[in-house]
Amino acid sequence: MNDITCCENESNMVETGGVDHWELQVIAAKYNVSERTIQRWVSSGQFPYPIRLGRKKLWLPEQVAEFMRRRGQEAQETQAARNMLHYEAPVRRQRRKRHVE
């Protein structure tokens, strides 16, 4: 049987069997996203599913970092594509002709 010891330290990181896990609050603070956003990502299957330890939901830091790295790359690619699609050449303004009488 696995010998899992669990102890919570002051930073909401939980150590189980020598492996660190992050709680929802830690991820939200570290990556500057709301807890609700992370919950939506999990529900939609985009974000790694948590490991449940009693009532706690925990994530492996490596999985979270990989998701955020991929998300950052996709955001950059999407922004570059948007920039290409919505590029408009600058329009030169024409001078108004003066009527001379």
N, C-alpha and C. Protein backbone atom coordinates (compact mmCIF):
# COMPACT_ATOMS: atom_id res chain seq x y z
N MET A 1 0.83 -1.17 0.00
CA MET A 1 0.00 0.00 0.00
C MET A 1 0.88 1.24 0.00
N ASN A 2 0.44 2.31 -0.70
CA ASN A 2 1.20 3.54 -0.75
C ASN A 2 1.24 4.21 0.61
N ASP A 3 2.41 4.65 0.97
CA ASP A 3 2.56 5.39 2.22
C ASP A 3 2.48 6.87 1.88
N ILE A 4 1.30 7.45 2.05
CA ILE A 4 1.11 8.86 1.71
C ILE A 4 1.00 9.65 3.00
N THR A 5 1.93 10.57 3.13
CA THR A 5 1.84 11.49 4.25
C THR A 5 1.39 12.82 3.70
N CYS A 6 0.58 13.49 4.41
CA CYS A 6 0.06 14.76 3.93
C CYS A 6 0.27 15.81 5.00
N CYS A 7 0.87 16.87 4.59
CA CYS A 7 1.01 17.99 5.51
C CYS A 7 0.88 19.27 4.71
N GLU A 8 0.16 20.22 5.25
CA GLU A 8 -0.06 21.48 4.56
C GLU A 8 0.84 22.53 5.19
N ASN A 9 1.58 23.25 4.34
CA ASN A 9 2.41 24.32 4.89
C ASN A 9 1.72 25.65 4.67
N GLU A 10 2.41 26.74 5.02
CA GLU A 10 1.79 28.05 5.03
C GLU A 10 1.45 28.58 3.65
N SER A 11 1.97 28.02 2.57
CA SER A 11 1.73 28.58 1.24
C SER A 11 0.66 27.84 0.45
N ASN A 12 -0.16 27.03 1.11
CA ASN A 12 -1.22 26.26 0.46
C ASN A 12 -0.69 25.24 -0.53
N MET A 13 0.58 24.88 -0.40
CA MET A 13 1.11 23.77 -1.18
C MET A 13 1.02 22.55 -0.28
N VAL A 14 0.59 21.46 -0.83
CA VAL A 14 0.41 20.25 -0.05
C VAL A 14 1.43 19.23 -0.53
N GLU A 15 2.09 18.59 0.42
CA GLU A 15 3.08 17.58 0.08
C GLU A 15 2.47 16.21 0.37
N THR A 16 2.43 15.37 -0.64
CA THR A 16 1.92 14.03 -0.46
C THR A 16 2.98 13.05 -0.93
N GLY A 17 3.48 12.28 -0.02
CA GLY A 17 4.49 11.28 -0.38
C GLY A 17 5.73 11.88 -1.02
N GLY A 18 6.13 13.08 -0.62
CA GLY A 18 7.32 13.71 -1.15
C GLY A 18 7.10 14.49 -2.44
N VAL A 19 5.86 14.56 -2.94
CA VAL A 19 5.55 15.29 -4.16
C VAL A 19 4.69 16.49 -3.82
N ASP A 20 5.08 17.66 -4.33
CA ASP A 20 4.31 18.88 -4.07
C ASP A 20 3.08 18.94 -4.97
N HIS A 21 2.00 19.46 -4.42
CA HIS A 21 0.77 19.68 -5.16
C HIS A 21 0.29 21.09 -4.85
N TRP A 22 -0.40 21.72 -5.80
CA TRP A 22 -0.92 23.06 -5.61
C TRP A 22 -2.43 23.02 -5.44
N GLU A 23 -2.91 23.88 -4.56
CA GLU A 23 -4.35 24.07 -4.42
C GLU A 23 -4.81 25.14 -5.40
N LEU A 24 -6.11 25.23 -5.56
CA LEU A 24 -6.72 26.16 -6.51
C LEU A 24 -6.27 27.60 -6.26
N GLN A 25 -6.22 28.00 -5.01
CA GLN A 25 -5.85 29.38 -4.66
C GLN A 25 -4.43 29.70 -5.10
N VAL A 26 -3.53 28.75 -4.98
CA VAL A 26 -2.13 28.96 -5.35
C VAL A 26 -2.02 29.18 -6.85
N ILE A 27 -2.71 28.34 -7.62
CA ILE A 27 -2.67 28.44 -9.08
C ILE A 27 -3.25 29.78 -9.52
N ALA A 28 -4.39 30.15 -8.95
CA ALA A 28 -5.03 31.41 -9.33
C ALA A 28 -4.11 32.60 -9.05
N ALA A 29 -3.48 32.61 -7.90
CA ALA A 29 -2.60 33.72 -7.54
C ALA A 29 -1.34 33.73 -8.40
N LYS A 30 -0.76 32.57 -8.62
CA LYS A 30 0.50 32.47 -9.37
C LYS A 30 0.34 32.92 -10.82
N TYR A 31 -0.78 32.54 -11.45
CA TYR A 31 -0.98 32.83 -12.86
C TYR A 31 -1.96 33.97 -13.11
N ASN A 32 -2.39 34.63 -12.05
CA ASN A 32 -3.24 35.82 -12.14
C ASN A 32 -4.53 35.54 -12.93
N VAL A 33 -5.19 34.45 -12.60
CA VAL A 33 -6.50 34.13 -13.16
C VAL A 33 -7.44 33.85 -11.98
N SER A 34 -8.72 33.99 -12.22
CA SER A 34 -9.65 33.75 -11.12
C SER A 34 -9.84 32.26 -10.88
N GLU A 35 -10.24 31.93 -9.68
CA GLU A 35 -10.51 30.53 -9.34
C GLU A 35 -11.64 29.99 -10.21
N ARG A 36 -12.62 30.82 -10.48
CA ARG A 36 -13.75 30.41 -11.31
C ARG A 36 -13.31 30.07 -12.74
N THR A 37 -12.35 30.83 -13.27
CA THR A 37 -11.83 30.55 -14.61
C THR A 37 -11.19 29.17 -14.65
N ILE A 38 -10.41 28.85 -13.63
CA ILE A 38 -9.78 27.53 -13.57
C ILE A 38 -10.84 26.44 -13.48
N GLN A 39 -11.87 26.67 -12.68
CA GLN A 39 -12.96 25.70 -12.56
C GLN A 39 -13.65 25.49 -13.92
N ARG A 40 -13.84 26.56 -14.68
CA ARG A 40 -14.45 26.44 -16.01
C ARG A 40 -13.55 25.65 -16.95
N TRP A 41 -12.24 25.91 -16.88
CA TRP A 41 -11.30 25.17 -17.73
C TRP A 41 -11.34 23.68 -17.40
N VAL A 42 -11.42 23.34 -16.11
CA VAL A 42 -11.48 21.94 -15.70
C VAL A 42 -12.78 21.32 -16.22
N SER A 43 -13.90 22.03 -16.07
CA SER A 43 -15.20 21.51 -16.53
C SER A 43 -15.22 21.27 -18.04
N SER A 44 -14.53 22.12 -18.78
CA SER A 44 -14.54 21.98 -20.24
C SER A 44 -13.49 20.99 -20.73
N GLY A 45 -12.65 20.49 -19.81
CA GLY A 45 -11.63 19.51 -20.19
C GLY A 45 -10.34 20.12 -20.71
N GLN A 46 -10.22 21.44 -20.66
CA GLN A 46 -9.00 22.10 -21.12
C GLN A 46 -7.87 21.99 -20.11
N PHE A 47 -8.20 22.09 -18.84
CA PHE A 47 -7.23 22.14 -17.75
C PHE A 47 -7.10 20.74 -17.16
N PRO A 48 -5.91 20.38 -16.67
CA PRO A 48 -5.75 19.05 -16.05
C PRO A 48 -6.74 18.84 -14.90
N TYR A 49 -7.26 17.64 -14.80
CA TYR A 49 -8.17 17.32 -13.71
C TYR A 49 -7.41 17.23 -12.39
N PRO A 50 -8.04 17.66 -11.31
CA PRO A 50 -7.35 17.65 -10.02
C PRO A 50 -7.27 16.25 -9.43
N ILE A 51 -6.34 16.11 -8.52
CA ILE A 51 -6.24 14.91 -7.69
C ILE A 51 -7.02 15.23 -6.43
N ARG A 52 -7.90 14.36 -6.03
CA ARG A 52 -8.70 14.61 -4.83
C ARG A 52 -8.05 13.93 -3.64
N LEU A 53 -7.90 14.69 -2.57
CA LEU A 53 -7.38 14.17 -1.32
C LEU A 53 -8.34 14.65 -0.25
N GLY A 54 -9.30 13.79 0.08
CA GLY A 54 -10.38 14.21 0.97
C GLY A 54 -11.22 15.25 0.25
N ARG A 55 -11.37 16.40 0.87
CA ARG A 55 -12.13 17.49 0.23
C ARG A 55 -11.26 18.38 -0.64
N LYS A 56 -9.98 18.21 -0.53
CA LYS A 56 -9.05 19.07 -1.27
C LYS A 56 -8.95 18.62 -2.72
N LYS A 57 -8.82 19.61 -3.60
CA LYS A 57 -8.50 19.36 -5.00
C LYS A 57 -7.09 19.88 -5.22
N LEU A 58 -6.24 19.01 -5.71
CA LEU A 58 -4.83 19.35 -5.86
C LEU A 58 -4.36 19.09 -7.29
N TRP A 59 -3.39 19.90 -7.73
CA TRP A 59 -2.83 19.76 -9.06
C TRP A 59 -1.32 19.63 -8.96
N LEU A 60 -0.73 18.88 -9.89
CA LEU A 60 0.72 18.78 -9.99
C LEU A 60 1.24 20.07 -10.64
N PRO A 61 2.23 20.72 -10.05
CA PRO A 61 2.75 21.97 -10.61
C PRO A 61 3.24 21.81 -12.05
N GLU A 62 3.82 20.65 -12.39
CA GLU A 62 4.34 20.44 -13.74
C GLU A 62 3.21 20.46 -14.78
N GLN A 63 2.07 19.84 -14.42
CA GLN A 63 0.94 19.82 -15.35
C GLN A 63 0.35 21.21 -15.54
N VAL A 64 0.28 21.95 -14.47
CA VAL A 64 -0.27 23.31 -14.54
C VAL A 64 0.66 24.19 -15.39
N ALA A 65 1.96 24.10 -15.15
CA ALA A 65 2.93 24.90 -15.90
C ALA A 65 2.88 24.56 -17.39
N GLU A 66 2.74 23.29 -17.73
CA GLU A 66 2.66 22.87 -19.12
C GLU A 66 1.39 23.44 -19.78
N PHE A 67 0.27 23.39 -19.08
CA PHE A 67 -0.97 23.95 -19.60
C PHE A 67 -0.81 25.44 -19.87
N MET A 68 -0.25 26.16 -18.91
CA MET A 68 -0.09 27.61 -19.06
C MET A 68 0.88 27.95 -20.18
N ARG A 69 1.92 27.14 -20.35
CA ARG A 69 2.87 27.35 -21.45
C ARG A 69 2.17 27.19 -22.79
N ARG A 70 1.39 26.11 -22.94
CA ARG A 70 0.65 25.86 -24.18
C ARG A 70 -0.36 26.97 -24.43
N ARG A 71 -1.04 27.38 -23.36
CA ARG A 71 -2.04 28.44 -23.47
C ARG A 71 -1.40 29.75 -23.92
N GLY A 72 -0.23 30.04 -23.41
CA GLY A 72 0.49 31.25 -23.81
C GLY A 72 0.89 31.21 -25.28
N GLN A 73 1.36 30.06 -25.76
CA GLN A 73 1.73 29.92 -27.16
C GLN A 73 0.51 30.08 -28.06
N GLU A 74 -0.60 29.45 -27.67
CA GLU A 74 -1.82 29.55 -28.47
C GLU A 74 -2.32 30.98 -28.52
N ALA A 75 -2.20 31.69 -27.41
CA ALA A 75 -2.65 33.08 -27.36
C ALA A 75 -1.80 33.94 -28.29
N GLN A 76 -0.49 33.70 -28.31
CA GLN A 76 0.39 34.46 -29.20
C GLN A 76 0.07 34.17 -30.66
N GLU A 77 -0.14 32.90 -30.99
CA GLU A 77 -0.47 32.53 -32.36
C GLU A 77 -1.81 33.12 -32.79
N THR A 78 -2.77 33.09 -31.89
CA THR A 78 -4.09 33.65 -32.20
C THR A 78 -3.98 35.15 -32.42
N GLN A 79 -3.22 35.83 -31.58
CA GLN A 79 -3.08 37.27 -31.72
C GLN A 79 -2.36 37.62 -33.02
N ALA A 80 -1.36 36.86 -33.38
CA ALA A 80 -0.64 37.10 -34.64
C ALA A 80 -1.58 36.91 -35.82
N ALA A 81 -2.41 35.87 -35.78
CA ALA A 81 -3.37 35.63 -36.86
C ALA A 81 -4.39 36.76 -36.94
N ARG A 82 -4.85 37.23 -35.80
CA ARG A 82 -5.80 38.35 -35.80
C ARG A 82 -5.17 39.59 -36.39
N ASN A 83 -3.92 39.82 -36.02
CA ASN A 83 -3.23 41.00 -36.55
C ASN A 83 -3.13 40.93 -38.06
N MET A 84 -2.87 39.74 -38.60
CA MET A 84 -2.75 39.58 -40.05
C MET A 84 -4.10 39.78 -40.73
N LEU A 85 -5.16 39.27 -40.14
CA LEU A 85 -6.48 39.36 -40.77
C LEU A 85 -7.05 40.77 -40.73
N HIS A 86 -6.76 41.49 -39.67
CA HIS A 86 -7.37 42.79 -39.48
C HIS A 86 -6.45 43.95 -39.83
N TYR A 87 -5.37 43.65 -40.53
CA TYR A 87 -4.46 44.73 -40.88
C TYR A 87 -5.07 45.55 -42.00
N GLU A 88 -5.08 46.82 -41.81
CA GLU A 88 -5.56 47.72 -42.84
C GLU A 88 -4.46 48.74 -43.11
N ALA A 89 -4.21 48.96 -44.38
CA ALA A 89 -3.19 49.94 -44.74
C ALA A 89 -3.67 51.32 -44.30
N PRO A 90 -2.77 52.14 -43.87
CA PRO A 90 -3.19 53.47 -43.44
C PRO A 90 -3.81 54.24 -44.61
N VAL A 91 -4.85 54.96 -44.33
CA VAL A 91 -5.55 55.73 -45.35
C VAL A 91 -5.01 57.15 -45.33
N ARG A 92 -4.62 57.63 -46.53
CA ARG A 92 -4.15 59.00 -46.62
C ARG A 92 -5.34 59.93 -46.70
N ARG A 93 -5.29 60.92 -45.92
CA ARG A 93 -6.38 61.89 -45.95
C ARG A 93 -6.15 62.86 -47.10
N GLN A 94 -7.18 63.11 -47.84
CA GLN A 94 -7.07 64.05 -48.94
C GLN A 94 -7.34 65.46 -48.43
N ARG A 95 -6.60 66.37 -49.01
CA ARG A 95 -6.80 67.75 -48.64
C ARG A 95 -8.08 68.29 -49.27
N ARG A 96 -8.71 69.13 -48.55
CA ARG A 96 -9.91 69.77 -49.10
C ARG A 96 -9.49 70.87 -50.07
N LYS A 97 -10.16 70.91 -51.18
CA LYS A 97 -9.86 71.98 -52.15
C LYS A 97 -10.59 73.24 -51.73
N ARG A 98 -9.89 74.30 -51.87
CA ARG A 98 -10.49 75.60 -51.56
C ARG A 98 -11.13 76.16 -52.80
N HIS A 99 -12.29 76.71 -52.61
CA HIS A 99 -12.94 77.38 -53.72
C HIS A 99 -12.46 78.83 -53.77
N VAL A 100 -11.95 79.18 -54.91
CA VAL A 100 -11.49 80.56 -55.06
C VAL A 100 -12.49 81.26 -55.99
N GLU A 101 -12.98 82.36 -55.53
CA GLU A 101 -13.96 83.08 -56.34
C GLU A 101 -13.38 84.29 -56.96
